[in-house]
Amino acid sequence: MKTYKIHLIRHARHTDAEKGKYIGHTDISLSDEGKEQLAEFKNKYHYPEPEAVFSSPLKRCVETCSLLYPDKQPIIIDGLTECNFGEFENKTADELRDNEDFAGWLAGKNAPPFGESSKEFGDRICSTFEKIVDGLVKSGVHEAAVITHGGVISIILSAYGLPQAPMHQWAVPNCCGFTLLIDASLWMRGKKAEIYGEVPV
C-alpha cells in the first residue's frame, strides 16, 4: 500500500504574539521578528520540499507560505483557520477572568459567546484534515505541507497521531511542526498516522 507524508507547520509569529491575547479568526500579518526568525530557521535548518502546499486563509499563514515556499501556490482551505474565540477574541485571560462565560469555556462547559465550542472546533479540523488526506490519495500526491495554526496542529495530532497523546502535549513553536506518515491501509482501517518526525530538521 502507498504511503503519504503530511508536514504540519505552524505559521511564524504575528504582530500581536507578545500581548497574550486570544487570537483566532482575527487576520493579523507576520511581525518583522517573525519574518526574521523564519528566514533564520530556513537558512539554518532543512524544511521539507512538498509537492503541494495547503494553507489557512489568514494572513499569518499565507505570508509564512510565501516565505517558506515562494515557488508554490498554496491551496487555501477555510477549514484550517484557528478557533473562533467569539467575544474572547483580542482579549487576554486577565481581561476575562471575571467573565462567567470564560470560566465555563475553560472548564469545557460552553462555547465563547458567538464563537466555537471545543467540540465544534475539533469537528471542523478533523473533517478538513480527512478531506486533505482523501484528496492526496485520489490525486496521487505523496507529500504535502499544511501551513496552519498551533491549535489546529494540536487537534490533528491528538486525533490521528501515533503515539497517542492529549492536545496539550502537542504544543508547537512558531515556524515548527511535525511530519505525519500515513500508510494507506492503516488509514483505511482506523484513520491513524505515525508521527514520523519534527519540522524543520
N, C-alpha and C. Protein backbone atom coordinates (compact mmCIF):
# COMPACT_ATOMS: atom_id res chain seq x y z
N MET A 1 0.84 -1.20 0.00
CA MET A 1 0.00 0.00 0.00
C MET A 1 0.88 1.25 0.00
N LYS A 2 0.34 2.34 -0.54
CA LYS A 2 1.10 3.57 -0.66
C LYS A 2 1.15 4.31 0.68
N THR A 3 2.19 5.14 0.82
CA THR A 3 2.32 5.99 2.00
C THR A 3 2.36 7.45 1.57
N TYR A 4 1.96 8.31 2.49
CA TYR A 4 1.88 9.75 2.23
C TYR A 4 2.49 10.49 3.41
N LYS A 5 3.16 11.60 3.12
CA LYS A 5 3.73 12.45 4.16
C LYS A 5 2.98 13.78 4.17
N ILE A 6 2.57 14.17 5.38
CA ILE A 6 1.97 15.49 5.55
C ILE A 6 2.75 16.23 6.64
N HIS A 7 3.31 17.37 6.26
CA HIS A 7 4.08 18.19 7.20
C HIS A 7 3.17 19.29 7.74
N LEU A 8 2.91 19.25 9.03
CA LEU A 8 2.07 20.26 9.68
C LEU A 8 2.99 21.33 10.25
N ILE A 9 2.90 22.55 9.75
CA ILE A 9 3.84 23.62 10.13
C ILE A 9 3.06 24.82 10.65
N ARG A 10 3.44 25.28 11.83
CA ARG A 10 2.79 26.46 12.40
C ARG A 10 3.38 27.73 11.79
N HIS A 11 2.53 28.69 11.55
CA HIS A 11 2.96 29.97 10.98
C HIS A 11 4.00 30.66 11.86
N ALA A 12 4.73 31.62 11.28
CA ALA A 12 5.68 32.43 12.04
C ALA A 12 4.92 33.38 12.96
N ARG A 13 5.64 34.04 13.83
CA ARG A 13 5.00 34.92 14.83
C ARG A 13 4.35 36.12 14.17
N HIS A 14 3.21 36.51 14.73
CA HIS A 14 2.48 37.65 14.17
C HIS A 14 2.63 38.87 15.08
N THR A 15 2.00 39.96 14.68
CA THR A 15 2.26 41.25 15.33
C THR A 15 1.72 41.35 16.75
N ASP A 16 0.77 40.49 17.13
CA ASP A 16 0.23 40.53 18.49
C ASP A 16 0.71 39.35 19.34
N ALA A 17 1.77 38.70 18.92
CA ALA A 17 2.20 37.46 19.57
C ALA A 17 2.60 37.66 21.02
N GLU A 18 3.10 38.83 21.37
CA GLU A 18 3.61 39.05 22.72
C GLU A 18 2.57 39.58 23.69
N LYS A 19 1.37 39.83 23.21
CA LYS A 19 0.38 40.52 24.04
C LYS A 19 -0.52 39.58 24.85
N GLY A 20 -0.39 38.28 24.64
CA GLY A 20 -1.17 37.33 25.42
C GLY A 20 -2.64 37.30 25.10
N LYS A 21 -3.01 37.77 23.93
CA LYS A 21 -4.42 37.82 23.55
C LYS A 21 -4.86 36.52 22.91
N TYR A 22 -6.15 36.25 23.00
CA TYR A 22 -6.72 35.15 22.23
C TYR A 22 -6.91 35.63 20.80
N ILE A 23 -6.07 35.10 19.91
CA ILE A 23 -6.12 35.49 18.50
C ILE A 23 -6.50 34.25 17.70
N GLY A 24 -7.71 34.21 17.21
CA GLY A 24 -8.18 33.08 16.43
C GLY A 24 -8.44 33.50 14.99
N HIS A 25 -9.65 33.97 14.71
CA HIS A 25 -10.02 34.38 13.36
C HIS A 25 -9.52 35.77 13.00
N THR A 26 -9.02 36.52 13.96
CA THR A 26 -8.51 37.86 13.67
C THR A 26 -7.37 37.74 12.66
N ASP A 27 -7.43 38.53 11.59
CA ASP A 27 -6.47 38.39 10.49
C ASP A 27 -5.31 39.34 10.67
N ILE A 28 -4.21 38.84 11.19
CA ILE A 28 -3.04 39.65 11.53
C ILE A 28 -1.83 39.20 10.71
N SER A 29 -1.05 40.16 10.26
CA SER A 29 0.15 39.85 9.48
C SER A 29 1.29 39.40 10.38
N LEU A 30 2.32 38.83 9.76
CA LEU A 30 3.53 38.46 10.49
C LEU A 30 4.25 39.70 10.98
N SER A 31 4.91 39.57 12.12
CA SER A 31 5.76 40.65 12.62
C SER A 31 7.11 40.59 11.92
N ASP A 32 7.86 41.68 12.00
CA ASP A 32 9.21 41.68 11.44
C ASP A 32 10.07 40.61 12.12
N GLU A 33 9.88 40.46 13.44
CA GLU A 33 10.64 39.45 14.19
C GLU A 33 10.28 38.05 13.70
N GLY A 34 9.00 37.84 13.42
CA GLY A 34 8.57 36.54 12.91
C GLY A 34 9.19 36.22 11.57
N LYS A 35 9.22 37.21 10.69
CA LYS A 35 9.83 37.02 9.37
C LYS A 35 11.32 36.72 9.50
N GLU A 36 11.98 37.45 10.40
CA GLU A 36 13.41 37.25 10.60
C GLU A 36 13.70 35.86 11.16
N GLN A 37 12.88 35.42 12.12
CA GLN A 37 13.08 34.10 12.70
C GLN A 37 12.90 33.01 11.64
N LEU A 38 11.86 33.16 10.81
CA LEU A 38 11.62 32.17 9.77
C LEU A 38 12.77 32.13 8.78
N ALA A 39 13.29 33.28 8.40
CA ALA A 39 14.43 33.34 7.49
C ALA A 39 15.65 32.66 8.11
N GLU A 40 15.86 32.90 9.41
CA GLU A 40 16.98 32.28 10.11
C GLU A 40 16.83 30.77 10.15
N PHE A 41 15.61 30.30 10.47
CA PHE A 41 15.36 28.86 10.51
C PHE A 41 15.57 28.24 9.14
N LYS A 42 15.08 28.92 8.11
CA LYS A 42 15.18 28.38 6.76
C LYS A 42 16.64 28.27 6.32
N ASN A 43 17.45 29.20 6.78
CA ASN A 43 18.87 29.19 6.44
C ASN A 43 19.65 28.14 7.24
N LYS A 44 19.22 27.94 8.48
CA LYS A 44 19.97 27.08 9.39
C LYS A 44 19.52 25.62 9.34
N TYR A 45 18.23 25.38 9.09
CA TYR A 45 17.67 24.03 9.14
C TYR A 45 17.08 23.66 7.78
N HIS A 46 16.61 22.42 7.72
CA HIS A 46 16.01 21.94 6.46
C HIS A 46 14.50 21.79 6.60
N TYR A 47 13.77 22.49 5.74
CA TYR A 47 12.33 22.30 5.64
C TYR A 47 12.03 21.36 4.49
N PRO A 48 10.96 20.60 4.59
CA PRO A 48 10.61 19.66 3.52
C PRO A 48 10.27 20.39 2.23
N GLU A 49 10.36 19.67 1.14
CA GLU A 49 10.03 20.22 -0.19
C GLU A 49 8.85 19.43 -0.76
N PRO A 50 7.64 19.80 -0.36
CA PRO A 50 6.46 19.02 -0.73
C PRO A 50 6.01 19.27 -2.16
N GLU A 51 5.19 18.35 -2.64
CA GLU A 51 4.59 18.53 -3.96
C GLU A 51 3.47 19.55 -3.92
N ALA A 52 2.75 19.60 -2.82
CA ALA A 52 1.61 20.51 -2.69
C ALA A 52 1.65 21.19 -1.32
N VAL A 53 1.11 22.41 -1.28
CA VAL A 53 1.07 23.18 -0.04
C VAL A 53 -0.37 23.64 0.20
N PHE A 54 -0.86 23.37 1.41
CA PHE A 54 -2.18 23.83 1.83
C PHE A 54 -2.00 24.89 2.91
N SER A 55 -2.94 25.84 2.98
CA SER A 55 -2.80 26.90 3.96
C SER A 55 -4.15 27.36 4.49
N SER A 56 -4.13 27.77 5.75
CA SER A 56 -5.23 28.57 6.29
C SER A 56 -5.31 29.86 5.49
N PRO A 57 -6.50 30.45 5.36
CA PRO A 57 -6.62 31.69 4.59
C PRO A 57 -6.09 32.92 5.31
N LEU A 58 -5.78 32.82 6.60
CA LEU A 58 -5.37 34.00 7.36
C LEU A 58 -3.96 34.45 6.97
N LYS A 59 -3.74 35.77 7.03
CA LYS A 59 -2.51 36.37 6.52
C LYS A 59 -1.26 35.74 7.10
N ARG A 60 -1.28 35.46 8.40
CA ARG A 60 -0.06 34.96 9.03
C ARG A 60 0.36 33.61 8.46
N CYS A 61 -0.60 32.84 7.95
CA CYS A 61 -0.27 31.55 7.32
C CYS A 61 0.11 31.74 5.85
N VAL A 62 -0.65 32.55 5.14
CA VAL A 62 -0.36 32.78 3.72
C VAL A 62 1.01 33.43 3.56
N GLU A 63 1.34 34.38 4.45
CA GLU A 63 2.65 35.03 4.39
C GLU A 63 3.77 34.05 4.74
N THR A 64 3.52 33.16 5.68
CA THR A 64 4.50 32.11 6.00
C THR A 64 4.73 31.22 4.79
N CYS A 65 3.66 30.86 4.10
CA CYS A 65 3.78 30.06 2.87
C CYS A 65 4.67 30.75 1.85
N SER A 66 4.44 32.04 1.64
CA SER A 66 5.18 32.75 0.60
C SER A 66 6.66 32.85 0.93
N LEU A 67 6.99 32.86 2.23
CA LEU A 67 8.39 32.90 2.63
C LEU A 67 9.05 31.53 2.60
N LEU A 68 8.29 30.50 2.99
CA LEU A 68 8.84 29.14 3.00
C LEU A 68 8.89 28.54 1.61
N TYR A 69 7.82 28.78 0.85
CA TYR A 69 7.67 28.13 -0.46
C TYR A 69 7.30 29.16 -1.53
N PRO A 70 8.24 30.06 -1.87
CA PRO A 70 7.93 31.14 -2.81
C PRO A 70 7.54 30.66 -4.20
N ASP A 71 7.92 29.45 -4.54
CA ASP A 71 7.60 28.92 -5.87
C ASP A 71 6.31 28.09 -5.89
N LYS A 72 5.65 27.98 -4.74
CA LYS A 72 4.43 27.19 -4.66
C LYS A 72 3.21 28.10 -4.49
N GLN A 73 2.15 27.76 -5.17
CA GLN A 73 0.88 28.44 -4.97
C GLN A 73 0.05 27.63 -3.97
N PRO A 74 -0.15 28.15 -2.76
CA PRO A 74 -0.85 27.34 -1.76
C PRO A 74 -2.33 27.15 -2.11
N ILE A 75 -2.84 26.01 -1.71
CA ILE A 75 -4.28 25.73 -1.81
C ILE A 75 -4.90 26.22 -0.51
N ILE A 76 -5.73 27.25 -0.60
CA ILE A 76 -6.31 27.87 0.58
C ILE A 76 -7.54 27.10 1.03
N ILE A 77 -7.56 26.72 2.30
CA ILE A 77 -8.69 25.95 2.83
C ILE A 77 -9.22 26.66 4.08
N ASP A 78 -10.45 27.13 3.98
CA ASP A 78 -11.07 27.87 5.09
C ASP A 78 -11.12 27.06 6.37
N GLY A 79 -11.29 25.74 6.24
CA GLY A 79 -11.41 24.89 7.42
C GLY A 79 -10.16 24.79 8.25
N LEU A 80 -9.03 25.32 7.77
CA LEU A 80 -7.77 25.28 8.51
C LEU A 80 -7.56 26.49 9.41
N THR A 81 -8.54 27.39 9.50
CA THR A 81 -8.38 28.56 10.36
C THR A 81 -8.35 28.15 11.83
N GLU A 82 -7.76 29.01 12.63
CA GLU A 82 -7.71 28.80 14.08
C GLU A 82 -9.11 28.89 14.66
N CYS A 83 -9.26 28.50 15.91
CA CYS A 83 -10.55 28.55 16.59
C CYS A 83 -11.13 29.96 16.56
N ASN A 84 -12.45 30.05 16.42
CA ASN A 84 -13.15 31.33 16.52
C ASN A 84 -13.48 31.56 18.00
N PHE A 85 -12.79 32.49 18.62
CA PHE A 85 -12.96 32.75 20.04
C PHE A 85 -14.12 33.69 20.34
N GLY A 86 -14.87 34.09 19.32
CA GLY A 86 -16.05 34.91 19.54
C GLY A 86 -15.75 36.18 20.30
N GLU A 87 -16.50 36.43 21.39
CA GLU A 87 -16.31 37.65 22.18
C GLU A 87 -14.98 37.67 22.95
N PHE A 88 -14.29 36.52 22.99
CA PHE A 88 -12.99 36.47 23.67
C PHE A 88 -11.84 36.90 22.75
N GLU A 89 -12.12 37.06 21.46
CA GLU A 89 -11.09 37.47 20.50
C GLU A 89 -10.46 38.79 20.94
N ASN A 90 -9.13 38.86 20.83
CA ASN A 90 -8.36 40.07 21.11
C ASN A 90 -8.40 40.49 22.58
N LYS A 91 -8.77 39.55 23.45
CA LYS A 91 -8.75 39.83 24.88
C LYS A 91 -7.79 38.87 25.57
N THR A 92 -7.25 39.31 26.69
CA THR A 92 -6.34 38.46 27.46
C THR A 92 -7.12 37.72 28.55
N ALA A 93 -6.49 36.70 29.12
CA ALA A 93 -7.11 35.96 30.22
C ALA A 93 -7.37 36.88 31.41
N ASP A 94 -6.47 37.83 31.66
CA ASP A 94 -6.68 38.77 32.77
C ASP A 94 -7.93 39.62 32.55
N GLU A 95 -8.14 40.03 31.31
CA GLU A 95 -9.31 40.83 31.00
C GLU A 95 -10.61 40.04 31.14
N LEU A 96 -10.51 38.73 31.02
CA LEU A 96 -11.71 37.87 31.04
C LEU A 96 -11.90 37.12 32.34
N ARG A 97 -11.04 37.32 33.31
CA ARG A 97 -11.04 36.46 34.50
C ARG A 97 -12.33 36.53 35.31
N ASP A 98 -13.07 37.64 35.23
CA ASP A 98 -14.33 37.76 35.96
C ASP A 98 -15.55 37.43 35.10
N ASN A 99 -15.31 36.93 33.90
CA ASN A 99 -16.38 36.63 32.96
C ASN A 99 -16.84 35.18 33.18
N GLU A 100 -18.11 35.00 33.52
CA GLU A 100 -18.63 33.65 33.79
C GLU A 100 -18.55 32.76 32.55
N ASP A 101 -18.80 33.32 31.38
CA ASP A 101 -18.71 32.54 30.14
C ASP A 101 -17.28 32.05 29.92
N PHE A 102 -16.31 32.88 30.27
CA PHE A 102 -14.90 32.50 30.11
C PHE A 102 -14.55 31.35 31.04
N ALA A 103 -15.01 31.43 32.28
CA ALA A 103 -14.75 30.35 33.24
C ALA A 103 -15.39 29.05 32.77
N GLY A 104 -16.60 29.14 32.26
CA GLY A 104 -17.28 27.96 31.74
C GLY A 104 -16.59 27.37 30.53
N TRP A 105 -16.05 28.25 29.67
CA TRP A 105 -15.33 27.78 28.48
C TRP A 105 -14.05 27.05 28.88
N LEU A 106 -13.32 27.59 29.84
CA LEU A 106 -12.09 26.94 30.31
C LEU A 106 -12.40 25.57 30.92
N ALA A 107 -13.57 25.46 31.51
CA ALA A 107 -13.98 24.18 32.12
C ALA A 107 -14.61 23.23 31.11
N GLY A 108 -14.72 23.67 29.86
CA GLY A 108 -15.29 22.82 28.82
C GLY A 108 -16.80 22.73 28.84
N LYS A 109 -17.46 23.68 29.49
CA LYS A 109 -18.91 23.61 29.63
C LYS A 109 -19.67 24.35 28.53
N ASN A 110 -19.05 25.34 27.92
CA ASN A 110 -19.75 26.14 26.91
C ASN A 110 -18.78 26.73 25.91
N ALA A 111 -19.33 27.25 24.84
CA ALA A 111 -18.54 27.94 23.82
C ALA A 111 -18.40 29.41 24.19
N PRO A 112 -17.40 30.11 23.67
CA PRO A 112 -17.38 31.56 23.83
C PRO A 112 -18.61 32.15 23.16
N PRO A 113 -19.19 33.20 23.69
CA PRO A 113 -20.33 33.83 23.01
C PRO A 113 -19.97 34.18 21.56
N PHE A 114 -20.79 33.71 20.62
CA PHE A 114 -20.59 33.94 19.19
C PHE A 114 -19.32 33.28 18.64
N GLY A 115 -18.79 32.31 19.39
CA GLY A 115 -17.60 31.60 18.94
C GLY A 115 -17.84 30.11 18.84
N GLU A 116 -16.76 29.35 18.69
CA GLU A 116 -16.83 27.90 18.54
C GLU A 116 -16.58 27.20 19.87
N SER A 117 -17.34 26.16 20.14
CA SER A 117 -17.03 25.30 21.27
C SER A 117 -15.82 24.44 20.91
N SER A 118 -15.22 23.82 21.91
CA SER A 118 -14.08 22.93 21.65
C SER A 118 -14.48 21.80 20.70
N LYS A 119 -15.69 21.27 20.88
CA LYS A 119 -16.17 20.19 20.02
C LYS A 119 -16.36 20.67 18.59
N GLU A 120 -16.97 21.84 18.43
CA GLU A 120 -17.18 22.37 17.08
C GLU A 120 -15.85 22.62 16.37
N PHE A 121 -14.90 23.17 17.10
CA PHE A 121 -13.57 23.40 16.54
C PHE A 121 -12.92 22.08 16.14
N GLY A 122 -12.94 21.11 17.04
CA GLY A 122 -12.34 19.82 16.74
C GLY A 122 -13.00 19.12 15.57
N ASP A 123 -14.32 19.15 15.52
CA ASP A 123 -15.04 18.50 14.41
C ASP A 123 -14.68 19.15 13.08
N ARG A 124 -14.57 20.48 13.08
CA ARG A 124 -14.22 21.19 11.83
C ARG A 124 -12.83 20.80 11.36
N ILE A 125 -11.88 20.79 12.27
CA ILE A 125 -10.50 20.47 11.89
C ILE A 125 -10.38 19.03 11.43
N CYS A 126 -11.00 18.11 12.12
CA CYS A 126 -10.92 16.70 11.73
C CYS A 126 -11.55 16.47 10.36
N SER A 127 -12.69 17.08 10.11
CA SER A 127 -13.34 16.95 8.81
C SER A 127 -12.45 17.50 7.70
N THR A 128 -11.83 18.64 7.97
CA THR A 128 -10.93 19.26 6.98
C THR A 128 -9.71 18.40 6.71
N PHE A 129 -9.10 17.88 7.77
CA PHE A 129 -7.90 17.07 7.60
C PHE A 129 -8.20 15.79 6.83
N GLU A 130 -9.30 15.16 7.13
CA GLU A 130 -9.66 13.92 6.42
C GLU A 130 -9.90 14.19 4.93
N LYS A 131 -10.45 15.35 4.61
CA LYS A 131 -10.63 15.71 3.20
C LYS A 131 -9.28 15.92 2.51
N ILE A 132 -8.33 16.50 3.24
CA ILE A 132 -6.99 16.68 2.67
C ILE A 132 -6.35 15.33 2.37
N VAL A 133 -6.43 14.41 3.33
CA VAL A 133 -5.85 13.08 3.12
C VAL A 133 -6.54 12.39 1.94
N ASP A 134 -7.85 12.43 1.89
CA ASP A 134 -8.58 11.80 0.79
C ASP A 134 -8.18 12.42 -0.54
N GLY A 135 -7.95 13.73 -0.55
CA GLY A 135 -7.53 14.40 -1.78
C GLY A 135 -6.16 13.95 -2.24
N LEU A 136 -5.24 13.76 -1.30
CA LEU A 136 -3.91 13.27 -1.66
C LEU A 136 -3.99 11.87 -2.27
N VAL A 137 -4.80 11.02 -1.65
CA VAL A 137 -4.94 9.65 -2.14
C VAL A 137 -5.51 9.65 -3.56
N LYS A 138 -6.53 10.45 -3.78
CA LYS A 138 -7.18 10.48 -5.09
C LYS A 138 -6.29 11.10 -6.17
N SER A 139 -5.50 12.10 -5.78
CA SER A 139 -4.68 12.81 -6.77
C SER A 139 -3.33 12.16 -7.01
N GLY A 140 -2.91 11.28 -6.09
CA GLY A 140 -1.60 10.65 -6.23
C GLY A 140 -0.45 11.51 -5.71
N VAL A 141 -0.76 12.60 -5.02
CA VAL A 141 0.28 13.44 -4.41
C VAL A 141 0.74 12.77 -3.12
N HIS A 142 2.03 12.53 -2.99
CA HIS A 142 2.54 11.75 -1.86
C HIS A 142 3.14 12.57 -0.73
N GLU A 143 3.35 13.86 -0.96
CA GLU A 143 3.95 14.69 0.08
C GLU A 143 3.37 16.09 0.02
N ALA A 144 2.87 16.56 1.17
CA ALA A 144 2.25 17.88 1.23
C ALA A 144 2.62 18.57 2.52
N ALA A 145 2.61 19.89 2.50
CA ALA A 145 2.78 20.70 3.70
C ALA A 145 1.47 21.42 3.98
N VAL A 146 1.15 21.53 5.27
CA VAL A 146 -0.04 22.26 5.69
C VAL A 146 0.44 23.38 6.62
N ILE A 147 0.27 24.63 6.18
CA ILE A 147 0.67 25.78 6.99
C ILE A 147 -0.56 26.28 7.72
N THR A 148 -0.53 26.17 9.03
CA THR A 148 -1.74 26.46 9.79
C THR A 148 -1.38 26.97 11.18
N HIS A 149 -2.26 26.75 12.14
CA HIS A 149 -2.16 27.36 13.47
C HIS A 149 -1.85 26.30 14.54
N GLY A 150 -1.35 26.78 15.68
CA GLY A 150 -0.97 25.86 16.74
C GLY A 150 -2.10 24.99 17.23
N GLY A 151 -3.27 25.58 17.42
CA GLY A 151 -4.41 24.81 17.89
C GLY A 151 -4.85 23.76 16.89
N VAL A 152 -4.78 24.10 15.62
CA VAL A 152 -5.16 23.15 14.56
C VAL A 152 -4.22 21.94 14.57
N ILE A 153 -2.92 22.21 14.67
CA ILE A 153 -1.94 21.12 14.68
C ILE A 153 -2.15 20.22 15.89
N SER A 154 -2.39 20.81 17.04
CA SER A 154 -2.60 20.02 18.27
C SER A 154 -3.80 19.09 18.13
N ILE A 155 -4.87 19.59 17.52
CA ILE A 155 -6.06 18.75 17.34
C ILE A 155 -5.76 17.60 16.39
N ILE A 156 -5.12 17.87 15.27
CA ILE A 156 -4.83 16.82 14.29
C ILE A 156 -3.96 15.73 14.91
N LEU A 157 -2.91 16.13 15.62
CA LEU A 157 -2.00 15.15 16.21
C LEU A 157 -2.67 14.33 17.31
N SER A 158 -3.50 14.97 18.13
CA SER A 158 -4.16 14.23 19.20
C SER A 158 -5.25 13.31 18.67
N ALA A 159 -5.86 13.68 17.54
CA ALA A 159 -6.93 12.86 16.97
C ALA A 159 -6.41 11.69 16.15
N TYR A 160 -5.31 11.88 15.42
CA TYR A 160 -4.86 10.88 14.45
C TYR A 160 -3.47 10.32 14.71
N GLY A 161 -2.67 11.00 15.53
CA GLY A 161 -1.27 10.64 15.63
C GLY A 161 -0.98 9.42 16.49
N LEU A 162 0.04 8.68 16.08
CA LEU A 162 0.61 7.59 16.85
C LEU A 162 2.09 7.88 17.05
N PRO A 163 2.59 7.94 18.29
CA PRO A 163 1.90 7.59 19.54
C PRO A 163 0.83 8.60 19.92
N GLN A 164 -0.16 8.11 20.66
CA GLN A 164 -1.26 8.96 21.07
C GLN A 164 -0.88 9.77 22.30
N ALA A 165 -1.35 11.03 22.30
CA ALA A 165 -1.11 11.92 23.44
C ALA A 165 -2.17 13.02 23.40
N PRO A 166 -2.50 13.61 24.55
CA PRO A 166 -3.50 14.68 24.57
C PRO A 166 -3.01 15.94 23.89
N MET A 167 -3.95 16.84 23.59
CA MET A 167 -3.64 18.05 22.82
C MET A 167 -2.50 18.85 23.41
N HIS A 168 -2.51 19.04 24.74
CA HIS A 168 -1.52 19.95 25.34
C HIS A 168 -0.09 19.45 25.17
N GLN A 169 0.08 18.16 24.91
CA GLN A 169 1.43 17.63 24.70
C GLN A 169 1.94 17.88 23.28
N TRP A 170 1.08 18.39 22.41
CA TRP A 170 1.48 18.65 21.03
C TRP A 170 1.61 20.14 20.75
N ALA A 171 1.84 20.94 21.79
CA ALA A 171 2.08 22.36 21.57
C ALA A 171 3.33 22.53 20.71
N VAL A 172 3.25 23.41 19.73
CA VAL A 172 4.34 23.54 18.76
C VAL A 172 4.75 25.00 18.63
N PRO A 173 6.07 25.30 18.64
CA PRO A 173 6.51 26.69 18.49
C PRO A 173 6.24 27.21 17.07
N ASN A 174 6.27 28.52 16.94
CA ASN A 174 6.14 29.12 15.61
C ASN A 174 7.26 28.64 14.70
N CYS A 175 6.94 28.51 13.42
CA CYS A 175 7.87 28.09 12.36
C CYS A 175 8.24 26.61 12.45
N CYS A 176 7.62 25.88 13.36
CA CYS A 176 7.95 24.47 13.56
C CYS A 176 6.71 23.59 13.41
N GLY A 177 6.93 22.28 13.46
CA GLY A 177 5.80 21.38 13.35
C GLY A 177 6.22 19.93 13.38
N PHE A 178 5.36 19.08 12.85
CA PHE A 178 5.57 17.64 12.85
C PHE A 178 5.21 17.06 11.48
N THR A 179 5.84 15.93 11.17
CA THR A 179 5.53 15.19 9.96
C THR A 179 4.72 13.96 10.30
N LEU A 180 3.60 13.78 9.61
CA LEU A 180 2.79 12.59 9.74
C LEU A 180 3.05 11.68 8.55
N LEU A 181 3.29 10.41 8.84
CA LEU A 181 3.44 9.40 7.80
C LEU A 181 2.16 8.58 7.77
N ILE A 182 1.49 8.64 6.65
CA ILE A 182 0.18 7.98 6.53
C ILE A 182 0.30 6.76 5.64
N ASP A 183 0.11 5.60 6.24
CA ASP A 183 0.05 4.36 5.49
C ASP A 183 -1.41 4.15 5.07
N ALA A 184 -1.63 3.96 3.78
CA ALA A 184 -2.99 3.91 3.26
C ALA A 184 -3.84 2.84 3.94
N SER A 185 -3.26 1.66 4.19
CA SER A 185 -4.04 0.58 4.80
C SER A 185 -4.39 0.90 6.25
N LEU A 186 -3.43 1.48 7.01
CA LEU A 186 -3.69 1.87 8.39
C LEU A 186 -4.74 2.97 8.45
N TRP A 187 -4.65 3.89 7.52
CA TRP A 187 -5.63 4.99 7.48
C TRP A 187 -7.03 4.45 7.18
N MET A 188 -7.11 3.53 6.25
CA MET A 188 -8.42 2.97 5.89
C MET A 188 -9.02 2.18 7.05
N ARG A 189 -8.17 1.52 7.84
CA ARG A 189 -8.69 0.70 8.95
C ARG A 189 -9.11 1.53 10.15
N GLY A 190 -8.32 2.54 10.50
CA GLY A 190 -8.62 3.24 11.75
C GLY A 190 -8.32 4.72 11.77
N LYS A 191 -8.02 5.29 10.58
CA LYS A 191 -7.71 6.72 10.49
C LYS A 191 -6.64 7.13 11.52
N LYS A 192 -5.51 6.43 11.45
CA LYS A 192 -4.36 6.75 12.29
C LYS A 192 -3.13 6.97 11.42
N ALA A 193 -2.19 7.77 11.93
CA ALA A 193 -0.97 8.08 11.19
C ALA A 193 0.20 8.13 12.15
N GLU A 194 1.36 7.73 11.68
CA GLU A 194 2.57 7.74 12.51
C GLU A 194 3.15 9.15 12.56
N ILE A 195 3.43 9.64 13.77
CA ILE A 195 4.14 10.90 13.92
C ILE A 195 5.61 10.60 13.67
N TYR A 196 6.05 10.97 12.49
CA TYR A 196 7.30 10.49 11.90
C TYR A 196 8.52 11.30 12.34
N GLY A 197 8.32 12.59 12.59
CA GLY A 197 9.46 13.42 12.95
C GLY A 197 9.02 14.87 13.10
N GLU A 198 10.01 15.73 13.40
CA GLU A 198 9.74 17.15 13.60
C GLU A 198 10.20 17.96 12.39
N VAL A 199 9.60 19.13 12.25
CA VAL A 199 9.94 20.07 11.19
C VAL A 199 10.32 21.40 11.86
N PRO A 200 11.43 22.07 11.44
CA PRO A 200 12.39 21.63 10.43
C PRO A 200 13.38 20.64 11.03
N VAL A 201 14.20 20.06 10.16
CA VAL A 201 15.24 19.13 10.58
C VAL A 201 16.56 19.89 10.69
